[in-house]
Amino acid sequence: MVKETLSLSRFILRSQVMDLYRDFLRTINPINDIKSKNELKQWIRQDFQLNKSVKDEEVIRMHLSRGRLALRELQVSISMPASSGFKKFQINNKDMKS
């Protein structure tokens, strides 16, 4: 089985996708509730797996943009105060990077 050689632009996009995936995992890492953390990890993995076969660079860029937006929304929802009415995940403050 011969692997496809990636163009420079595809290689860079692949690197950006992997960085985004790692950022998602880093974002959920400080969550104390194991069940919530596992559900989020499964959601993240499933979303990336569904788009693994995408080859069109424009579509990949679109998914990256949407993924970055979803990451920002997740980061905000994790850090929201409990008084806002949203369920706040319990986070280890020592795990948060400044």
C-alpha atoms as a PDB file:
ATOM      1  CA  MET A   1       0.000   0.000   0.000  1.00  0.00           C
ATOM      2  CA  VAL A   2       1.514   3.313  -1.124  1.00  0.00           C
ATOM      3  CA  LYS A   3       0.777   6.413   0.955  1.00  0.00           C
ATOM      4  CA  GLU A   4      -0.209   9.585  -0.826  1.00  0.00           C
ATOM      5  CA  THR A   5       2.450  12.307  -0.737  1.00  0.00           C
ATOM      6  CA  LEU A   6       1.046  15.524   0.685  1.00  0.00           C
ATOM      7  CA  SER A   7       1.585  18.884  -0.958  1.00  0.00           C
ATOM      8  CA  LEU A   8       3.031  21.605   1.243  1.00  0.00           C
ATOM      9  CA  SER A   9      -0.364  23.265   1.685  1.00  0.00           C
ATOM     10  CA  ARG A  10      -2.013  19.942   2.637  1.00  0.00           C
ATOM     11  CA  PHE A  11       0.838  19.224   5.052  1.00  0.00           C
ATOM     12  CA  ILE A  12       0.324  22.622   6.719  1.00  0.00           C
ATOM     13  CA  LEU A  13      -3.441  22.093   6.910  1.00  0.00           C
ATOM     14  CA  ARG A  14      -2.889  18.666   8.461  1.00  0.00           C
ATOM     15  CA  SER A  15      -0.619  20.251  11.055  1.00  0.00           C
ATOM     16  CA  GLN A  16      -3.280  22.880  11.840  1.00  0.00           C
ATOM     17  CA  VAL A  17      -5.921  20.168  12.246  1.00  0.00           C
ATOM     18  CA  MET A  18      -3.686  18.227  14.646  1.00  0.00           C
ATOM     19  CA  ASP A  19      -2.973  21.424  16.625  1.00  0.00           C
ATOM     20  CA  LEU A  20      -6.699  22.123  16.895  1.00  0.00           C
ATOM     21  CA  TYR A  21      -7.342  18.547  18.094  1.00  0.00           C
ATOM     22  CA  ARG A  22      -4.646  18.898  20.764  1.00  0.00           C
ATOM     23  CA  ASP A  23      -6.076  22.278  21.815  1.00  0.00           C
ATOM     24  CA  PHE A  24      -9.477  20.656  22.341  1.00  0.00           C
ATOM     25  CA  LEU A  25      -7.915  17.924  24.478  1.00  0.00           C
ATOM     26  CA  ARG A  26      -5.926  20.476  26.507  1.00  0.00           C
ATOM     27  CA  THR A  27      -9.099  22.488  27.062  1.00  0.00           C
ATOM     28  CA  ILE A  28     -11.007  19.567  28.568  1.00  0.00           C
ATOM     29  CA  ASN A  29      -8.047  18.151  30.503  1.00  0.00           C
ATOM     30  CA  PRO A  30      -8.652  20.173  33.711  1.00  0.00           C
ATOM     31  CA  ILE A  31     -12.303  19.020  34.025  1.00  0.00           C
ATOM     32  CA  ASN A  32     -12.680  16.977  37.223  1.00  0.00           C
ATOM     33  CA  ASP A  33     -15.920  15.194  36.330  1.00  0.00           C
ATOM     34  CA  ILE A  34     -14.640  12.057  34.578  1.00  0.00           C
ATOM     35  CA  LYS A  35     -17.986  11.315  32.919  1.00  0.00           C
ATOM     36  CA  SER A  36     -18.215  14.813  31.414  1.00  0.00           C
ATOM     37  CA  LYS A  37     -14.590  14.723  30.344  1.00  0.00           C
ATOM     38  CA  ASN A  38     -15.049  11.337  28.627  1.00  0.00           C
ATOM     39  CA  GLU A  39     -18.213  12.506  26.861  1.00  0.00           C
ATOM     40  CA  LEU A  40     -16.428  15.607  25.567  1.00  0.00           C
ATOM     41  CA  LYS A  41     -13.404  13.560  24.495  1.00  0.00           C
ATOM     42  CA  GLN A  42     -15.680  11.149  22.623  1.00  0.00           C
ATOM     43  CA  TRP A  43     -17.499  14.067  20.935  1.00  0.00           C
ATOM     44  CA  ILE A  44     -14.188  15.639  19.881  1.00  0.00           C
ATOM     45  CA  ARG A  45     -12.743  12.382  18.560  1.00  0.00           C
ATOM     46  CA  GLN A  46     -15.945  11.516  16.697  1.00  0.00           C
ATOM     47  CA  ASP A  47     -16.131  14.938  15.057  1.00  0.00           C
ATOM     48  CA  PHE A  48     -12.543  14.731  13.826  1.00  0.00           C
ATOM     49  CA  GLN A  49     -12.990  11.125  12.653  1.00  0.00           C
ATOM     50  CA  LEU A  50     -16.078  12.065  10.617  1.00  0.00           C
ATOM     51  CA  ASN A  51     -14.032  14.576   8.640  1.00  0.00           C
ATOM     52  CA  LYS A  52     -10.855  12.527   8.326  1.00  0.00           C
ATOM     53  CA  SER A  53     -11.502  11.644   4.692  1.00  0.00           C
ATOM     54  CA  VAL A  54     -12.017  15.234   3.504  1.00  0.00           C
ATOM     55  CA  LYS A  55      -9.506  16.057   0.735  1.00  0.00           C
ATOM     56  CA  ASP A  56     -10.707  19.432  -0.560  1.00  0.00           C
ATOM     57  CA  GLU A  57      -8.463  22.135   0.946  1.00  0.00           C
ATOM     58  CA  GLU A  58     -11.232  24.763   1.003  1.00  0.00           C
ATOM     59  CA  VAL A  59     -13.502  22.392   2.913  1.00  0.00           C
ATOM     60  CA  ILE A  60     -10.681  21.620   5.350  1.00  0.00           C
ATOM     61  CA  ARG A  61     -10.154  25.359   5.920  1.00  0.00           C
ATOM     62  CA  MET A  62     -13.886  25.783   6.541  1.00  0.00           C
ATOM     63  CA  HIS A  63     -13.825  22.941   9.081  1.00  0.00           C
ATOM     64  CA  LEU A  64     -10.795  24.507  10.774  1.00  0.00           C
ATOM     65  CA  SER A  65     -12.633  27.827  11.103  1.00  0.00           C
ATOM     66  CA  ARG A  66     -15.698  26.154  12.543  1.00  0.00           C
ATOM     67  CA  GLY A  67     -13.518  24.055  14.835  1.00  0.00           C
ATOM     68  CA  ARG A  68     -11.716  27.128  16.183  1.00  0.00           C
ATOM     69  CA  LEU A  69     -15.076  28.758  16.874  1.00  0.00           C
ATOM     70  CA  ALA A  70     -16.298  25.613  18.662  1.00  0.00           C
ATOM     71  CA  LEU A  71     -13.074  25.554  20.708  1.00  0.00           C
ATOM     72  CA  ARG A  72     -13.584  29.170  21.818  1.00  0.00           C
ATOM     73  CA  GLU A  73     -17.200  28.394  22.762  1.00  0.00           C
ATOM     74  CA  LEU A  74     -16.087  25.343  24.734  1.00  0.00           C
ATOM     75  CA  GLN A  75     -13.412  27.362  26.528  1.00  0.00           C
ATOM     76  CA  VAL A  76     -15.975  30.007  27.468  1.00  0.00           C
ATOM     77  CA  SER A  77     -18.544  27.457  28.659  1.00  0.00           C
ATOM     78  CA  ILE A  78     -15.963  25.681  30.808  1.00  0.00           C
ATOM     79  CA  SER A  79     -14.896  28.918  32.476  1.00  0.00           C
ATOM     80  CA  MET A  80     -18.418  30.347  32.998  1.00  0.00           C
ATOM     81  CA  PRO A  81     -19.395  31.178  36.588  1.00  0.00           C
ATOM     82  CA  ALA A  82     -22.013  28.932  38.206  1.00  0.00           C
ATOM     83  CA  SER A  83     -24.345  31.918  38.769  1.00  0.00           C
ATOM     84  CA  SER A  84     -24.862  32.234  34.999  1.00  0.00           C
ATOM     85  CA  GLY A  85     -27.293  29.321  35.035  1.00  0.00           C
ATOM     86  CA  PHE A  86     -25.073  27.094  32.933  1.00  0.00           C
ATOM     87  CA  LYS A  87     -23.595  23.940  34.373  1.00  0.00           C
ATOM     88  CA  LYS A  88     -19.975  24.672  35.106  1.00  0.00           C
ATOM     89  CA  PHE A  89     -17.432  21.901  34.888  1.00  0.00           C
ATOM     90  CA  GLN A  90     -15.259  21.477  37.938  1.00  0.00           C
ATOM     91  CA  ILE A  91     -11.730  22.441  37.016  1.00  0.00           C
ATOM     92  CA  ASN A  92      -8.446  22.029  38.800  1.00  0.00           C
ATOM     93  CA  ASN A  93      -7.044  25.551  38.891  1.00  0.00           C
ATOM     94  CA  LYS A  94      -3.508  24.190  39.062  1.00  0.00           C
ATOM     95  CA  ASP A  95      -4.079  22.567  35.634  1.00  0.00           C
ATOM     96  CA  MET A  96      -5.054  25.837  33.979  1.00  0.00           C
ATOM     97  CA  LYS A  97      -2.253  27.607  32.142  1.00  0.00           C
ATOM     98  CA  SER A  98      -2.140  31.382  32.187  1.00  0.00           C
END
